[in-house]
Amino acid sequence: MVAYDFERDLPTAKMHQTECDAYHIVAFALVEVLNDVFISQRAGQPDA
């Protein structure tokens, strides 16, 4: 994976496959936690 800066026409960051996999796992886990904490709890509450 390469992050690219189109304004300067330069790559800004390069990541290996293992780093991309770890980033994906962490990002997915964060979304799952946010879903459990905010969305799932709100769905279980009766309207006031």
N, C-alpha and C. Protein backbone atom coordinates (compact mmCIF):
# COMPACT_ATOMS: atom_id res chain seq x y z
N MET A 1 0.85 -1.17 0.00
CA MET A 1 0.00 0.00 0.00
C MET A 1 0.90 1.23 0.00
N VAL A 2 0.54 2.18 -0.82
CA VAL A 2 1.29 3.42 -0.90
C VAL A 2 0.32 4.58 -0.79
N ALA A 3 0.57 5.49 0.16
CA ALA A 3 -0.18 6.73 0.24
C ALA A 3 0.51 7.74 -0.66
N TYR A 4 -0.26 8.40 -1.49
CA TYR A 4 0.33 9.26 -2.52
C TYR A 4 -0.19 10.68 -2.39
N ASP A 5 0.72 11.64 -2.45
CA ASP A 5 0.37 13.06 -2.42
C ASP A 5 0.33 13.57 -3.86
N PHE A 6 -0.87 13.80 -4.36
CA PHE A 6 -1.02 14.20 -5.75
C PHE A 6 -0.57 15.64 -5.99
N GLU A 7 -0.60 16.47 -4.95
CA GLU A 7 -0.18 17.87 -5.13
C GLU A 7 1.32 17.97 -5.38
N ARG A 8 2.10 17.18 -4.64
CA ARG A 8 3.55 17.22 -4.80
C ARG A 8 4.07 16.11 -5.71
N ASP A 9 3.17 15.21 -6.13
CA ASP A 9 3.52 14.09 -7.01
C ASP A 9 4.59 13.19 -6.37
N LEU A 10 4.39 12.91 -5.06
CA LEU A 10 5.33 12.07 -4.33
C LEU A 10 4.58 11.08 -3.45
N PRO A 11 5.14 9.89 -3.27
CA PRO A 11 4.55 8.97 -2.28
C PRO A 11 4.86 9.49 -0.88
N THR A 12 3.88 9.43 0.03
CA THR A 12 4.07 9.95 1.38
C THR A 12 4.30 8.85 2.40
N ALA A 13 3.84 7.64 2.12
CA ALA A 13 4.02 6.54 3.07
C ALA A 13 3.90 5.22 2.32
N LYS A 14 4.67 4.27 2.76
CA LYS A 14 4.58 2.92 2.20
C LYS A 14 4.39 1.94 3.34
N MET A 15 3.49 0.99 3.15
CA MET A 15 3.22 -0.01 4.18
C MET A 15 3.36 -1.40 3.57
N HIS A 16 3.93 -2.31 4.34
CA HIS A 16 4.03 -3.70 3.92
C HIS A 16 2.69 -4.40 4.13
N GLN A 17 2.53 -5.55 3.53
CA GLN A 17 1.28 -6.29 3.63
C GLN A 17 0.91 -6.60 5.08
N THR A 18 1.90 -6.97 5.90
CA THR A 18 1.59 -7.30 7.31
C THR A 18 1.11 -6.07 8.07
N GLU A 19 1.66 -4.91 7.77
CA GLU A 19 1.20 -3.68 8.40
C GLU A 19 -0.21 -3.34 7.96
N CYS A 20 -0.51 -3.53 6.69
CA CYS A 20 -1.87 -3.28 6.19
C CYS A 20 -2.86 -4.22 6.83
N ASP A 21 -2.47 -5.49 7.00
CA ASP A 21 -3.36 -6.46 7.65
C ASP A 21 -3.64 -6.05 9.09
N ALA A 22 -2.60 -5.62 9.81
CA ALA A 22 -2.77 -5.20 11.20
C ALA A 22 -3.67 -3.96 11.27
N TYR A 23 -3.47 -3.01 10.38
CA TYR A 23 -4.30 -1.80 10.34
C TYR A 23 -5.76 -2.17 10.09
N HIS A 24 -5.98 -3.10 9.18
CA HIS A 24 -7.34 -3.53 8.86
C HIS A 24 -8.00 -4.18 10.07
N ILE A 25 -7.28 -5.02 10.77
CA ILE A 25 -7.82 -5.70 11.96
C ILE A 25 -8.19 -4.68 13.04
N VAL A 26 -7.31 -3.73 13.28
CA VAL A 26 -7.56 -2.72 14.31
C VAL A 26 -8.74 -1.83 13.91
N ALA A 27 -8.79 -1.40 12.66
CA ALA A 27 -9.88 -0.55 12.20
C ALA A 27 -11.22 -1.29 12.29
N PHE A 28 -11.25 -2.55 11.91
CA PHE A 28 -12.48 -3.33 11.97
C PHE A 28 -12.92 -3.52 13.41
N ALA A 29 -11.95 -3.79 14.31
CA ALA A 29 -12.28 -3.97 15.72
C ALA A 29 -12.84 -2.67 16.31
N LEU A 30 -12.28 -1.54 15.93
CA LEU A 30 -12.78 -0.26 16.42
C LEU A 30 -14.22 -0.02 15.97
N VAL A 31 -14.52 -0.34 14.73
CA VAL A 31 -15.89 -0.18 14.23
C VAL A 31 -16.83 -1.10 15.00
N GLU A 32 -16.41 -2.32 15.28
CA GLU A 32 -17.24 -3.25 16.04
C GLU A 32 -17.53 -2.72 17.44
N VAL A 33 -16.51 -2.16 18.10
CA VAL A 33 -16.70 -1.60 19.44
C VAL A 33 -17.65 -0.42 19.40
N LEU A 34 -17.45 0.48 18.45
CA LEU A 34 -18.34 1.64 18.34
C LEU A 34 -19.77 1.21 18.05
N ASN A 35 -19.94 0.20 17.22
CA ASN A 35 -21.27 -0.33 16.94
C ASN A 35 -21.90 -0.89 18.21
N ASP A 36 -21.15 -1.68 18.95
CA ASP A 36 -21.69 -2.28 20.17
C ASP A 36 -22.05 -1.23 21.22
N VAL A 37 -21.22 -0.21 21.35
CA VAL A 37 -21.42 0.78 22.40
C VAL A 37 -22.53 1.77 22.03
N PHE A 38 -22.54 2.27 20.82
CA PHE A 38 -23.46 3.34 20.48
C PHE A 38 -24.71 2.86 19.74
N ILE A 39 -24.55 2.08 18.73
CA ILE A 39 -25.69 1.73 17.89
C ILE A 39 -26.53 0.63 18.51
N SER A 40 -25.90 -0.43 18.97
CA SER A 40 -26.65 -1.56 19.53
C SER A 40 -27.38 -1.16 20.81
N GLN A 41 -26.75 -0.35 21.67
CA GLN A 41 -27.41 0.07 22.90
C GLN A 41 -28.58 0.97 22.59
N ARG A 42 -28.46 1.82 21.60
CA ARG A 42 -29.55 2.74 21.25
C ARG A 42 -30.74 1.95 20.69
N ALA A 43 -30.47 0.90 19.95
CA ALA A 43 -31.55 0.10 19.36
C ALA A 43 -32.34 -0.62 20.43
N GLY A 44 -31.72 -0.94 21.57
CA GLY A 44 -32.39 -1.66 22.64
C GLY A 44 -33.17 -0.77 23.57
N GLN A 45 -33.01 0.55 23.49
CA GLN A 45 -33.70 1.47 24.39
C GLN A 45 -35.07 1.84 23.84
N PRO A 46 -36.10 1.86 24.70
CA PRO A 46 -37.42 2.31 24.23
C PRO A 46 -37.42 3.82 23.99
N ASP A 47 -38.28 4.26 23.11
CA ASP A 47 -38.39 5.70 22.83
C ASP A 47 -38.97 6.42 24.04
N ALA A 48 -38.44 7.60 24.33
CA ALA A 48 -38.91 8.38 25.49
C ALA A 48 -39.91 9.42 25.07
